[in-house]
N, C-alpha and C. Protein backbone atom coordinates (compact mmCIF):
# COMPACT_ATOMS: atom_id res chain seq x y z
N MET A 1 251.48 34.44 56.77
CA MET A 1 250.04 34.37 56.61
C MET A 1 249.70 33.46 55.44
N THR A 2 248.46 33.04 55.40
CA THR A 2 248.00 32.22 54.29
C THR A 2 247.64 33.10 53.10
N LEU A 3 247.42 32.47 51.95
CA LEU A 3 247.01 33.22 50.77
C LEU A 3 245.68 33.93 51.02
N THR A 4 244.76 33.25 51.69
CA THR A 4 243.46 33.86 52.01
C THR A 4 243.63 35.10 52.88
N GLU A 5 244.50 35.01 53.90
CA GLU A 5 244.74 36.15 54.78
C GLU A 5 245.38 37.31 54.02
N ALA A 6 246.30 36.98 53.12
CA ALA A 6 246.94 38.03 52.32
C ALA A 6 245.93 38.73 51.43
N ALA A 7 245.04 37.96 50.82
CA ALA A 7 244.02 38.54 49.95
C ALA A 7 243.09 39.46 50.74
N GLN A 8 242.71 39.03 51.94
CA GLN A 8 241.85 39.85 52.78
C GLN A 8 242.54 41.13 53.21
N LEU A 9 243.85 41.03 53.50
CA LEU A 9 244.60 42.18 53.97
C LEU A 9 244.67 43.29 52.92
N ILE A 10 244.87 42.92 51.66
CA ILE A 10 244.97 43.94 50.60
C ILE A 10 243.66 44.07 49.82
N GLU A 11 242.61 43.42 50.33
CA GLU A 11 241.25 43.56 49.81
C GLU A 11 241.19 43.27 48.30
N THR A 12 241.61 42.07 47.96
CA THR A 12 241.55 41.65 46.56
C THR A 12 241.23 40.17 46.50
N THR A 13 241.19 39.62 45.28
CA THR A 13 240.90 38.20 45.12
C THR A 13 242.14 37.37 45.44
N LYS A 14 241.95 36.10 45.67
CA LYS A 14 243.07 35.22 45.96
C LYS A 14 244.00 35.11 44.76
N SER A 15 243.43 35.11 43.56
CA SER A 15 244.28 35.01 42.36
C SER A 15 245.15 36.25 42.20
N SER A 16 244.59 37.42 42.48
CA SER A 16 245.37 38.65 42.38
C SER A 16 246.44 38.70 43.47
N ALA A 17 246.08 38.28 44.67
CA ALA A 17 247.05 38.25 45.77
C ALA A 17 248.18 37.28 45.46
N PHE A 18 247.85 36.15 44.87
CA PHE A 18 248.88 35.17 44.52
C PHE A 18 249.85 35.76 43.50
N SER A 19 249.35 36.53 42.54
CA SER A 19 250.19 37.17 41.53
C SER A 19 251.16 38.15 42.19
N VAL A 20 250.64 38.93 43.14
CA VAL A 20 251.49 39.88 43.86
C VAL A 20 252.57 39.14 44.65
N LEU A 21 252.16 38.09 45.34
CA LEU A 21 253.10 37.33 46.15
C LEU A 21 254.19 36.69 45.30
N ARG A 22 253.82 36.18 44.13
CA ARG A 22 254.80 35.57 43.25
C ARG A 22 255.85 36.61 42.82
N THR A 23 255.41 37.82 42.52
CA THR A 23 256.35 38.88 42.14
C THR A 23 257.28 39.21 43.30
N LEU A 24 256.72 39.34 44.49
CA LEU A 24 257.55 39.62 45.66
C LEU A 24 258.53 38.49 45.94
N MET A 25 258.11 37.25 45.69
CA MET A 25 259.01 36.11 45.89
C MET A 25 260.15 36.13 44.88
N ASP A 26 259.88 36.57 43.66
CA ASP A 26 260.93 36.63 42.63
C ASP A 26 262.06 37.56 43.05
N PHE A 27 261.72 38.57 43.87
CA PHE A 27 262.74 39.54 44.31
C PHE A 27 263.13 39.34 45.77
N ASP A 28 262.75 38.18 46.35
CA ASP A 28 263.13 37.78 47.71
C ASP A 28 262.55 38.67 48.81
N TYR A 29 261.47 39.40 48.50
CA TYR A 29 260.81 40.16 49.55
C TYR A 29 259.83 39.29 50.33
N VAL A 30 259.45 38.17 49.77
CA VAL A 30 258.56 37.21 50.42
C VAL A 30 259.12 35.81 50.21
N SER A 31 258.97 34.96 51.21
CA SER A 31 259.34 33.56 51.09
C SER A 31 258.20 32.71 51.66
N THR A 32 258.27 31.43 51.43
CA THR A 32 257.22 30.53 51.89
C THR A 32 257.77 29.58 52.94
N THR A 33 256.86 29.08 53.77
CA THR A 33 257.24 28.12 54.79
C THR A 33 256.08 27.17 55.04
N GLY A 34 256.40 25.92 55.33
CA GLY A 34 255.38 24.93 55.67
C GLY A 34 254.52 24.52 54.50
N SER A 35 253.50 23.78 54.80
CA SER A 35 252.56 23.33 53.77
C SER A 35 251.44 24.33 53.66
N GLY A 36 250.83 24.35 52.51
CA GLY A 36 249.69 25.26 52.35
C GLY A 36 249.80 26.20 51.19
N PRO A 37 250.88 26.98 50.99
CA PRO A 37 251.91 27.31 51.99
C PRO A 37 251.52 28.55 52.78
N ARG A 38 252.41 28.90 53.71
CA ARG A 38 252.27 30.17 54.42
C ARG A 38 253.37 31.11 53.95
N TYR A 39 253.05 32.39 53.89
CA TYR A 39 253.98 33.38 53.37
C TYR A 39 254.52 34.25 54.50
N ARG A 40 255.78 34.59 54.37
CA ARG A 40 256.42 35.46 55.37
C ARG A 40 257.41 36.39 54.66
N LEU A 41 257.91 37.38 55.41
CA LEU A 41 258.87 38.31 54.83
C LEU A 41 260.14 37.57 54.41
N GLY A 42 260.73 38.02 53.32
CA GLY A 42 261.96 37.43 52.81
C GLY A 42 263.18 38.25 53.17
N PRO A 43 264.37 37.76 52.85
CA PRO A 43 265.62 38.40 53.26
C PRO A 43 265.86 39.77 52.62
N ALA A 44 265.24 40.05 51.48
CA ALA A 44 265.46 41.35 50.84
C ALA A 44 264.94 42.50 51.68
N VAL A 45 264.04 42.20 52.61
CA VAL A 45 263.53 43.25 53.50
C VAL A 45 264.67 43.84 54.34
N LEU A 46 265.68 43.01 54.65
CA LEU A 46 266.82 43.50 55.42
C LEU A 46 267.56 44.59 54.66
N ARG A 47 267.64 44.43 53.35
CA ARG A 47 268.30 45.44 52.53
C ARG A 47 267.55 46.77 52.59
N LEU A 48 266.23 46.69 52.55
CA LEU A 48 265.42 47.90 52.67
C LEU A 48 265.64 48.56 54.03
N ALA A 49 265.63 47.75 55.09
CA ALA A 49 265.81 48.28 56.44
C ALA A 49 267.18 48.93 56.59
N ASP A 50 268.20 48.30 56.03
CA ASP A 50 269.54 48.85 56.12
C ASP A 50 269.64 50.17 55.36
N SER A 51 269.05 50.21 54.18
CA SER A 51 269.06 51.44 53.39
C SER A 51 268.33 52.56 54.12
N TYR A 52 267.22 52.22 54.77
CA TYR A 52 266.47 53.23 55.49
C TYR A 52 267.28 53.77 56.67
N SER A 53 267.92 52.86 57.42
CA SER A 53 268.72 53.29 58.57
C SER A 53 269.82 54.25 58.14
N GLN A 54 270.43 53.99 56.99
CA GLN A 54 271.48 54.87 56.50
C GLN A 54 270.93 56.24 56.10
N SER A 55 269.64 56.29 55.77
CA SER A 55 269.04 57.57 55.38
C SER A 55 268.61 58.40 56.59
N VAL A 56 268.70 57.81 57.78
CA VAL A 56 268.37 58.52 59.03
C VAL A 56 269.62 58.49 59.91
N PRO A 57 270.61 59.32 59.61
CA PRO A 57 271.90 59.24 60.30
C PRO A 57 271.84 59.47 61.80
N TRP A 58 270.84 60.23 62.27
CA TRP A 58 270.79 60.51 63.71
C TRP A 58 270.44 59.28 64.54
N LEU A 59 269.96 58.22 63.89
CA LEU A 59 269.67 56.99 64.62
C LEU A 59 270.92 56.42 65.28
N GLU A 60 272.06 56.53 64.61
CA GLU A 60 273.31 56.03 65.17
C GLU A 60 273.70 56.80 66.43
N VAL A 61 273.31 58.07 66.48
CA VAL A 61 273.56 58.88 67.68
C VAL A 61 272.59 58.50 68.79
N ALA A 62 271.33 58.27 68.42
CA ALA A 62 270.27 58.05 69.42
C ALA A 62 270.34 56.67 70.07
N ARG A 63 270.80 55.67 69.34
CA ARG A 63 270.77 54.30 69.86
C ARG A 63 271.56 54.12 71.16
N PRO A 64 272.81 54.54 71.22
CA PRO A 64 273.52 54.38 72.50
C PRO A 64 272.94 55.22 73.62
N VAL A 65 272.35 56.35 73.28
CA VAL A 65 271.70 57.18 74.29
C VAL A 65 270.49 56.45 74.86
N ALA A 66 269.72 55.80 73.99
CA ALA A 66 268.55 55.03 74.45
C ALA A 66 268.99 53.86 75.32
N ALA A 67 270.06 53.20 74.95
CA ALA A 67 270.57 52.08 75.75
C ALA A 67 270.99 52.56 77.13
N SER A 68 271.65 53.70 77.18
CA SER A 68 272.07 54.27 78.47
C SER A 68 270.86 54.68 79.30
N LEU A 69 269.84 55.22 78.63
CA LEU A 69 268.63 55.64 79.35
C LEU A 69 267.94 54.45 79.99
N THR A 70 267.84 53.34 79.27
CA THR A 70 267.24 52.13 79.84
C THR A 70 268.07 51.62 81.01
N ALA A 71 269.39 51.65 80.88
CA ALA A 71 270.26 51.18 81.96
C ALA A 71 270.09 52.04 83.22
N ARG A 72 269.89 53.33 83.04
CA ARG A 72 269.76 54.24 84.19
C ARG A 72 268.39 54.17 84.85
N THR A 73 267.35 53.97 84.04
CA THR A 73 265.99 54.02 84.58
C THR A 73 265.36 52.65 84.82
N GLY A 74 265.85 51.64 84.11
CA GLY A 74 265.24 50.32 84.20
C GLY A 74 263.95 50.21 83.41
N TRP A 75 263.65 51.20 82.59
CA TRP A 75 262.44 51.21 81.77
C TRP A 75 262.80 51.05 80.30
N THR A 76 261.83 50.64 79.51
CA THR A 76 262.02 50.49 78.07
C THR A 76 262.16 51.87 77.42
N SER A 77 263.20 52.05 76.62
CA SER A 77 263.41 53.30 75.91
C SER A 77 263.03 53.14 74.44
N ARG A 78 262.47 54.19 73.87
CA ARG A 78 262.12 54.19 72.45
C ARG A 78 262.53 55.52 71.83
N VAL A 79 262.89 55.46 70.57
CA VAL A 79 263.27 56.65 69.83
C VAL A 79 262.32 56.80 68.66
N ALA A 80 261.69 57.98 68.56
CA ALA A 80 260.72 58.24 67.50
C ALA A 80 261.20 59.37 66.61
N SER A 81 260.92 59.26 65.33
CA SER A 81 261.17 60.36 64.41
C SER A 81 259.90 61.20 64.28
N HIS A 82 260.06 62.42 63.84
CA HIS A 82 258.94 63.34 63.65
C HIS A 82 258.58 63.37 62.18
N ILE A 83 257.39 62.89 61.86
CA ILE A 83 256.91 62.89 60.48
C ILE A 83 255.53 63.54 60.45
N GLY A 84 255.49 64.77 59.96
CA GLY A 84 254.22 65.48 59.84
C GLY A 84 253.46 65.65 61.13
N GLY A 85 254.19 65.86 62.24
CA GLY A 85 253.53 66.02 63.53
C GLY A 85 253.26 64.71 64.25
N HIS A 86 253.57 63.59 63.62
CA HIS A 86 253.33 62.28 64.21
C HIS A 86 254.64 61.66 64.70
N PRO A 87 254.60 60.90 65.79
CA PRO A 87 255.78 60.13 66.17
C PRO A 87 255.78 58.78 65.42
N VAL A 88 256.93 58.44 64.88
CA VAL A 88 257.11 57.13 64.24
C VAL A 88 258.31 56.49 64.91
N PHE A 89 258.07 55.46 65.71
CA PHE A 89 259.16 54.87 66.49
C PHE A 89 260.10 54.07 65.59
N GLN A 90 261.39 54.36 65.74
CA GLN A 90 262.42 53.78 64.89
C GLN A 90 263.26 52.73 65.60
N ASP A 91 263.35 52.83 66.92
CA ASP A 91 264.21 51.90 67.66
C ASP A 91 263.68 51.74 69.07
N ARG A 92 264.05 50.63 69.70
CA ARG A 92 263.57 50.32 71.04
C ARG A 92 264.64 49.54 71.79
N VAL A 93 264.82 49.87 73.05
CA VAL A 93 265.72 49.12 73.94
C VAL A 93 264.87 48.60 75.08
N ASP A 94 264.61 47.31 75.10
CA ASP A 94 263.74 46.73 76.12
C ASP A 94 264.39 46.74 77.49
N ALA A 95 263.56 46.97 78.49
CA ALA A 95 264.03 46.94 79.87
C ALA A 95 264.30 45.51 80.30
N PRO A 96 265.18 45.31 81.27
CA PRO A 96 265.41 43.96 81.78
C PRO A 96 264.19 43.46 82.53
N GLY A 97 264.06 42.16 82.65
CA GLY A 97 262.92 41.59 83.36
C GLY A 97 261.95 40.91 82.42
N THR A 98 260.85 40.45 82.98
CA THR A 98 259.90 39.64 82.22
C THR A 98 258.83 40.48 81.52
N ILE A 99 258.61 41.73 81.96
CA ILE A 99 257.57 42.56 81.36
C ILE A 99 258.08 43.18 80.07
N ARG A 100 257.34 42.99 78.99
CA ARG A 100 257.71 43.56 77.70
C ARG A 100 256.55 44.39 77.17
N PHE A 101 256.87 45.57 76.65
CA PHE A 101 255.85 46.43 76.05
C PHE A 101 255.96 46.27 74.54
N HIS A 102 254.96 45.58 73.96
CA HIS A 102 254.99 45.33 72.52
C HIS A 102 254.62 46.61 71.78
N THR A 103 255.60 47.18 71.13
CA THR A 103 255.37 48.39 70.35
C THR A 103 255.98 48.20 68.97
N GLU A 104 255.15 48.23 67.96
CA GLU A 104 255.65 48.06 66.61
C GLU A 104 256.43 49.28 66.17
N LEU A 105 257.49 49.03 65.43
CA LEU A 105 258.29 50.11 64.88
C LEU A 105 257.78 50.47 63.49
N GLY A 106 258.02 51.72 63.11
CA GLY A 106 257.68 52.15 61.76
C GLY A 106 256.22 52.50 61.54
N ILE A 107 255.43 52.59 62.61
CA ILE A 107 254.01 52.91 62.50
C ILE A 107 253.80 54.39 62.86
N ARG A 108 253.10 55.12 61.98
CA ARG A 108 252.77 56.51 62.28
C ARG A 108 251.66 56.53 63.33
N GLU A 109 251.98 57.02 64.52
CA GLU A 109 251.03 57.00 65.62
C GLU A 109 250.36 58.36 65.81
N LEU A 110 249.18 58.33 66.42
CA LEU A 110 248.50 59.58 66.73
C LEU A 110 249.28 60.31 67.82
N PRO A 111 249.53 61.61 67.64
CA PRO A 111 250.43 62.31 68.56
C PRO A 111 249.83 62.72 69.89
N HIS A 112 248.51 62.82 69.99
CA HIS A 112 247.91 63.43 71.19
C HIS A 112 247.87 62.51 72.39
N ARG A 113 248.11 61.22 72.21
CA ARG A 113 247.97 60.30 73.33
C ARG A 113 249.25 59.56 73.69
N SER A 114 250.39 60.02 73.18
CA SER A 114 251.67 59.44 73.57
C SER A 114 252.61 60.54 74.03
N ALA A 115 253.51 60.19 74.94
CA ALA A 115 254.46 61.19 75.43
C ALA A 115 255.36 61.68 74.31
N ALA A 116 255.83 60.77 73.47
CA ALA A 116 256.69 61.17 72.35
C ALA A 116 255.95 62.10 71.40
N GLY A 117 254.69 61.78 71.12
CA GLY A 117 253.89 62.63 70.24
C GLY A 117 253.69 64.01 70.80
N LYS A 118 253.40 64.08 72.09
CA LYS A 118 253.17 65.39 72.71
C LYS A 118 254.47 66.18 72.86
N ALA A 119 255.59 65.49 73.05
CA ALA A 119 256.88 66.17 73.10
C ALA A 119 257.18 66.84 71.76
N ILE A 120 256.82 66.16 70.68
CA ILE A 120 257.00 66.72 69.34
C ILE A 120 256.04 67.88 69.10
N LEU A 121 254.77 67.69 69.44
CA LEU A 121 253.78 68.75 69.24
C LEU A 121 254.13 70.01 70.02
N ALA A 122 254.74 69.82 71.18
CA ALA A 122 255.09 70.97 72.02
C ALA A 122 256.14 71.87 71.38
N CYS A 123 256.84 71.35 70.39
CA CYS A 123 257.85 72.15 69.68
C CYS A 123 257.23 72.95 68.54
N LEU A 124 255.96 72.72 68.26
CA LEU A 124 255.28 73.40 67.17
C LEU A 124 254.42 74.54 67.70
N THR A 125 253.95 75.39 66.83
CA THR A 125 253.06 76.47 67.24
C THR A 125 251.65 75.93 67.47
N ASP A 126 250.84 76.68 68.18
CA ASP A 126 249.46 76.26 68.42
C ASP A 126 248.71 76.10 67.10
N ASP A 127 248.97 76.99 66.15
CA ASP A 127 248.30 76.89 64.86
C ASP A 127 248.69 75.61 64.13
N GLU A 128 249.97 75.25 64.22
CA GLU A 128 250.42 74.01 63.59
C GLU A 128 249.78 72.80 64.26
N VAL A 129 249.67 72.86 65.58
CA VAL A 129 249.03 71.75 66.31
C VAL A 129 247.57 71.63 65.91
N ARG A 130 246.87 72.76 65.84
CA ARG A 130 245.46 72.74 65.44
C ARG A 130 245.30 72.15 64.04
N SER A 131 246.22 72.48 63.14
CA SER A 131 246.15 71.96 61.78
C SER A 131 246.30 70.44 61.76
N ILE A 132 247.25 69.93 62.55
CA ILE A 132 247.46 68.48 62.63
C ILE A 132 246.24 67.79 63.22
N ILE A 133 245.72 68.35 64.30
CA ILE A 133 244.58 67.74 64.98
C ILE A 133 243.32 67.80 64.12
N SER A 134 243.21 68.80 63.26
CA SER A 134 242.05 68.88 62.38
C SER A 134 242.01 67.70 61.41
N GLU A 135 243.18 67.13 61.13
CA GLU A 135 243.26 65.99 60.23
C GLU A 135 243.14 64.66 60.98
N THR A 136 243.75 64.57 62.15
CA THR A 136 243.78 63.30 62.89
C THR A 136 242.60 63.13 63.84
N GLY A 137 242.04 64.26 64.31
CA GLY A 137 241.05 64.18 65.37
C GLY A 137 241.72 63.85 66.69
N LEU A 138 240.91 63.68 67.72
CA LEU A 138 241.41 63.33 69.06
C LEU A 138 240.65 62.12 69.59
N PRO A 139 240.76 60.99 68.91
CA PRO A 139 240.01 59.80 69.35
C PRO A 139 240.45 59.32 70.72
N ARG A 140 239.48 58.89 71.50
CA ARG A 140 239.75 58.41 72.85
C ARG A 140 240.28 56.98 72.82
N ARG A 141 241.29 56.73 73.63
CA ARG A 141 241.85 55.38 73.77
C ARG A 141 241.60 54.84 75.18
N THR A 142 241.75 55.71 76.17
CA THR A 142 241.48 55.33 77.56
C THR A 142 240.69 56.47 78.21
N ARG A 143 240.35 56.28 79.46
CA ARG A 143 239.62 57.32 80.18
C ARG A 143 240.47 58.58 80.37
N ASN A 144 241.79 58.46 80.25
CA ASN A 144 242.68 59.61 80.45
C ASN A 144 243.09 60.30 79.16
N THR A 145 242.68 59.77 78.02
CA THR A 145 243.06 60.38 76.74
C THR A 145 242.50 61.79 76.63
N ILE A 146 243.34 62.73 76.20
CA ILE A 146 242.88 64.11 75.99
C ILE A 146 242.09 64.15 74.68
N THR A 147 240.84 64.61 74.78
CA THR A 147 239.97 64.62 73.60
C THR A 147 239.47 66.02 73.25
N ASP A 148 240.00 67.03 73.92
CA ASP A 148 239.62 68.42 73.66
C ASP A 148 240.86 69.20 73.25
N VAL A 149 240.79 69.93 72.16
CA VAL A 149 241.97 70.59 71.63
C VAL A 149 242.51 71.65 72.58
N GLU A 150 241.64 72.36 73.28
CA GLU A 150 242.12 73.38 74.22
C GLU A 150 242.85 72.73 75.39
N ALA A 151 242.34 71.60 75.85
CA ALA A 151 243.02 70.87 76.92
C ALA A 151 244.37 70.36 76.45
N LEU A 152 244.44 69.94 75.20
CA LEU A 152 245.71 69.48 74.64
C LEU A 152 246.71 70.63 74.57
N LEU A 153 246.28 71.78 74.10
CA LEU A 153 247.17 72.94 74.01
C LEU A 153 247.68 73.34 75.39
N GLN A 154 246.85 73.22 76.40
CA GLN A 154 247.27 73.54 77.76
C GLN A 154 248.31 72.53 78.24
N ASP A 155 248.11 71.26 77.89
CA ASP A 155 249.07 70.21 78.25
C ASP A 155 250.40 70.46 77.54
N LEU A 156 250.36 70.89 76.30
CA LEU A 156 251.58 71.17 75.54
C LEU A 156 252.32 72.38 76.11
N LYS A 157 251.56 73.37 76.61
CA LYS A 157 252.18 74.52 77.26
C LYS A 157 252.97 74.08 78.47
N LEU A 158 252.38 73.19 79.27
CA LEU A 158 253.07 72.65 80.45
C LEU A 158 254.30 71.84 80.03
N THR A 159 254.17 71.11 78.94
CA THR A 159 255.30 70.34 78.42
C THR A 159 256.47 71.24 78.06
N ARG A 160 256.18 72.38 77.42
CA ARG A 160 257.24 73.33 77.05
C ARG A 160 257.92 73.88 78.29
N GLU A 161 257.14 74.17 79.32
CA GLU A 161 257.69 74.78 80.53
C GLU A 161 258.60 73.83 81.29
N ARG A 162 258.23 72.56 81.37
CA ARG A 162 259.03 71.63 82.18
C ARG A 162 260.06 70.88 81.35
N GLY A 163 259.90 70.88 80.00
CA GLY A 163 260.89 70.25 79.14
C GLY A 163 260.67 68.78 78.88
N TYR A 164 259.55 68.23 79.28
CA TYR A 164 259.24 66.82 78.99
C TYR A 164 257.74 66.63 78.93
N ALA A 165 257.32 65.59 78.22
CA ALA A 165 255.90 65.27 78.07
C ALA A 165 255.56 64.01 78.85
N VAL A 166 254.29 63.91 79.23
CA VAL A 166 253.81 62.78 80.04
C VAL A 166 252.64 62.09 79.33
N ASP A 167 252.68 60.79 79.32
CA ASP A 167 251.53 59.97 78.92
C ASP A 167 251.13 59.19 80.16
N ASP A 168 250.12 59.69 80.85
CA ASP A 168 249.65 59.09 82.10
C ASP A 168 248.44 58.22 81.82
N GLU A 169 248.70 57.00 81.38
CA GLU A 169 247.65 56.05 81.01
C GLU A 169 246.73 56.61 79.93
N GLU A 170 247.27 57.39 79.01
CA GLU A 170 246.47 58.01 77.96
C GLU A 170 246.38 57.16 76.70
N ASP A 171 247.34 56.25 76.55
CA ASP A 171 247.33 55.36 75.39
C ASP A 171 247.00 53.92 75.79
N ASP A 172 247.44 53.53 76.97
CA ASP A 172 247.15 52.18 77.49
C ASP A 172 246.93 52.27 78.99
N GLU A 173 245.93 51.56 79.48
CA GLU A 173 245.66 51.51 80.91
C GLU A 173 246.86 50.91 81.64
N GLY A 174 247.27 51.56 82.72
CA GLY A 174 248.34 51.04 83.56
C GLY A 174 249.73 51.34 83.07
N VAL A 175 249.86 52.05 81.93
CA VAL A 175 251.18 52.33 81.33
C VAL A 175 251.48 53.82 81.43
N PHE A 176 252.71 54.13 81.81
CA PHE A 176 253.14 55.52 81.99
C PHE A 176 254.38 55.77 81.14
N CYS A 177 254.44 56.93 80.48
CA CYS A 177 255.58 57.27 79.62
C CYS A 177 256.04 58.70 79.88
N LEU A 178 257.34 58.91 79.72
CA LEU A 178 257.94 60.23 79.73
C LEU A 178 258.72 60.39 78.44
N ALA A 179 258.74 61.59 77.87
CA ALA A 179 259.46 61.81 76.62
C ALA A 179 259.94 63.25 76.53
N ALA A 180 261.00 63.44 75.77
CA ALA A 180 261.52 64.77 75.47
C ALA A 180 261.97 64.80 74.03
N ALA A 181 261.80 65.94 73.38
CA ALA A 181 262.13 66.08 71.97
C ALA A 181 263.60 66.43 71.78
N PHE A 182 264.12 66.09 70.62
CA PHE A 182 265.49 66.48 70.25
C PHE A 182 265.47 67.06 68.84
N HIS A 183 266.51 67.82 68.53
CA HIS A 183 266.57 68.47 67.22
C HIS A 183 268.01 68.74 66.86
N SER A 184 268.24 69.18 65.64
CA SER A 184 269.59 69.56 65.21
C SER A 184 269.70 71.08 65.33
N ALA A 185 270.51 71.70 64.49
CA ALA A 185 270.64 73.15 64.53
C ALA A 185 269.34 73.84 64.17
N ASP A 186 268.50 73.15 63.40
CA ASP A 186 267.18 73.65 63.06
C ASP A 186 266.28 73.53 64.29
N THR A 187 265.32 74.43 64.41
CA THR A 187 264.42 74.38 65.57
C THR A 187 263.31 73.36 65.41
N VAL A 188 263.10 72.85 64.19
CA VAL A 188 262.07 71.84 63.97
C VAL A 188 262.53 70.53 64.61
N PRO A 189 261.70 69.90 65.44
CA PRO A 189 262.14 68.67 66.11
C PRO A 189 262.36 67.52 65.13
N LEU A 190 263.47 66.81 65.32
CA LEU A 190 263.72 65.61 64.53
C LEU A 190 262.93 64.43 65.08
N GLY A 191 262.71 64.45 66.39
CA GLY A 191 261.98 63.34 67.01
C GLY A 191 261.97 63.48 68.52
N ALA A 192 261.76 62.36 69.20
CA ALA A 192 261.70 62.36 70.66
C ALA A 192 262.20 61.03 71.19
N ILE A 193 262.73 61.06 72.39
CA ILE A 193 263.15 59.84 73.08
C ILE A 193 262.26 59.68 74.31
N SER A 194 261.84 58.44 74.57
CA SER A 194 260.88 58.22 75.65
C SER A 194 261.23 56.99 76.45
N ILE A 195 260.66 56.90 77.64
CA ILE A 195 260.73 55.68 78.45
C ILE A 195 259.30 55.25 78.77
N THR A 196 259.11 53.94 78.87
CA THR A 196 257.78 53.37 79.11
C THR A 196 257.86 52.32 80.22
N GLY A 197 256.90 52.38 81.12
CA GLY A 197 256.84 51.39 82.20
C GLY A 197 255.46 51.36 82.81
N LEU A 198 255.34 50.68 83.93
CA LEU A 198 254.07 50.56 84.61
C LEU A 198 253.80 51.80 85.47
N LYS A 199 252.58 52.25 85.45
CA LYS A 199 252.17 53.42 86.23
C LYS A 199 252.50 53.23 87.72
N THR A 200 252.33 52.03 88.22
CA THR A 200 252.57 51.77 89.64
C THR A 200 254.04 51.92 90.01
N ASP A 201 254.92 51.88 89.01
CA ASP A 201 256.35 52.01 89.27
C ASP A 201 256.85 53.45 89.14
N MET A 202 255.91 54.41 88.98
CA MET A 202 256.31 55.80 88.84
C MET A 202 255.54 56.69 89.83
N PRO A 203 255.83 56.57 91.12
CA PRO A 203 255.23 57.50 92.09
C PRO A 203 255.81 58.90 91.86
N ASP A 204 255.21 59.90 92.50
CA ASP A 204 255.62 61.28 92.28
C ASP A 204 257.10 61.51 92.57
N TRP A 205 257.61 60.90 93.63
CA TRP A 205 259.01 61.14 93.98
C TRP A 205 259.94 60.61 92.89
N ARG A 206 259.56 59.49 92.27
CA ARG A 206 260.41 58.94 91.20
C ARG A 206 260.27 59.75 89.92
N LEU A 207 259.07 60.30 89.68
CA LEU A 207 258.89 61.16 88.51
C LEU A 207 259.83 62.35 88.58
N HIS A 208 259.98 62.95 89.74
CA HIS A 208 260.86 64.11 89.90
C HIS A 208 262.32 63.73 89.70
N GLN A 209 262.66 62.49 90.02
CA GLN A 209 264.03 62.03 89.82
C GLN A 209 264.31 61.62 88.38
N THR A 210 263.30 61.07 87.72
CA THR A 210 263.49 60.48 86.40
C THR A 210 263.34 61.47 85.26
N SER A 211 262.43 62.42 85.39
CA SER A 211 262.20 63.36 84.29
C SER A 211 263.46 64.10 83.85
N PRO A 212 264.33 64.56 84.77
CA PRO A 212 265.56 65.21 84.31
C PRO A 212 266.47 64.27 83.52
N VAL A 213 266.41 62.99 83.82
CA VAL A 213 267.23 62.00 83.10
C VAL A 213 266.77 61.89 81.65
N VAL A 214 265.45 61.92 81.45
CA VAL A 214 264.90 61.86 80.09
C VAL A 214 265.25 63.13 79.32
N ARG A 215 265.13 64.29 79.97
CA ARG A 215 265.51 65.55 79.32
C ARG A 215 266.99 65.55 78.97
N GLU A 216 267.80 65.01 79.86
CA GLU A 216 269.24 64.96 79.62
C GLU A 216 269.55 64.09 78.41
N ALA A 217 268.82 62.98 78.25
CA ALA A 217 269.04 62.09 77.11
C ALA A 217 268.71 62.81 75.80
N ALA A 218 267.58 63.53 75.79
CA ALA A 218 267.20 64.28 74.59
C ALA A 218 268.22 65.37 74.29
N ASP A 219 268.70 66.05 75.33
CA ASP A 219 269.69 67.10 75.14
C ASP A 219 271.00 66.52 74.60
N LYS A 220 271.34 65.34 75.03
CA LYS A 220 272.57 64.70 74.56
C LYS A 220 272.51 64.44 73.06
N ILE A 221 271.34 63.98 72.60
CA ILE A 221 271.17 63.76 71.15
C ILE A 221 271.22 65.10 70.42
N THR A 222 270.52 66.09 70.97
CA THR A 222 270.49 67.42 70.36
C THR A 222 271.90 67.99 70.21
N HIS A 223 272.70 67.93 71.27
CA HIS A 223 274.04 68.49 71.23
C HIS A 223 274.92 67.74 70.22
N ALA A 224 274.76 66.43 70.14
CA ALA A 224 275.55 65.64 69.19
C ALA A 224 275.21 66.00 67.75
N LEU A 225 274.00 66.50 67.54
CA LEU A 225 273.56 66.87 66.19
C LEU A 225 273.77 68.35 65.89
N GLY A 226 274.43 69.05 66.81
CA GLY A 226 274.74 70.45 66.57
C GLY A 226 273.68 71.42 67.02
N GLY A 227 272.70 70.94 67.78
CA GLY A 227 271.64 71.82 68.25
C GLY A 227 271.92 72.32 69.65
N ARG A 228 271.05 73.19 70.13
CA ARG A 228 271.16 73.74 71.48
C ARG A 228 269.89 73.42 72.26
N SER A 229 270.05 73.14 73.55
CA SER A 229 268.90 72.82 74.40
C SER A 229 268.00 74.05 74.53
N ALA A 230 266.70 73.78 74.60
CA ALA A 230 265.75 74.87 74.80
C ALA A 230 265.84 75.38 76.23
N THR A 231 265.59 76.66 76.41
CA THR A 231 265.53 77.23 77.76
C THR A 231 264.24 76.81 78.42
N ARG A 232 264.34 76.27 79.62
CA ARG A 232 263.14 75.75 80.28
C ARG A 232 262.97 76.38 81.64
N ARG A 233 261.72 76.41 82.09
CA ARG A 233 261.40 76.82 83.44
C ARG A 233 261.09 75.57 84.24
N SER A 234 261.55 75.53 85.46
CA SER A 234 261.32 74.37 86.32
C SER A 234 259.92 74.41 86.92
């Protein structure tokens, strides 16, 4: 970005933004390119990313499971961590083909309109869910977004019974997601694994075939971390 864009982003003057950028450049967190100049992330960011990955050991377990899930379903797989009731996606395995679902990693997302978020919420008590929603609200994203807390709790009840959560065009029009939560020996969910694709590619018959595969992937991560699968009703 340009100096002007950087100043606007952090809501300060250009001179103050330049001072911040110079400090970041001294430690290789920012570098410059082209004339003007334009600023971009520097190589030291890799060190931060590597340190973070080492602090989340279950990622090494989840990555090959996500790769296998994409190979089996042909859909993009994502792995999210559970942070305060929110899904934060940590890794992604893109599906083959020309269609790509641009999803930024490391962003705390609202839990009520994503399959991963609802899979995580379903592991919590209704009181815990109400507490989270009291802070985040239930803003509408599409015509299918759940915007009523009682309707959300009913959806989470269904998620617990079947063992997976559904995002049926609730976050993006035309996009469908399935997710299931995983955990260690503790009952608190560590996160969720999900698949994302086009709604038109998930008719009912395929949903019945694919949902057990997603649950199996989550269970595989859970077992590797020393946890036990939850008892589910079909």
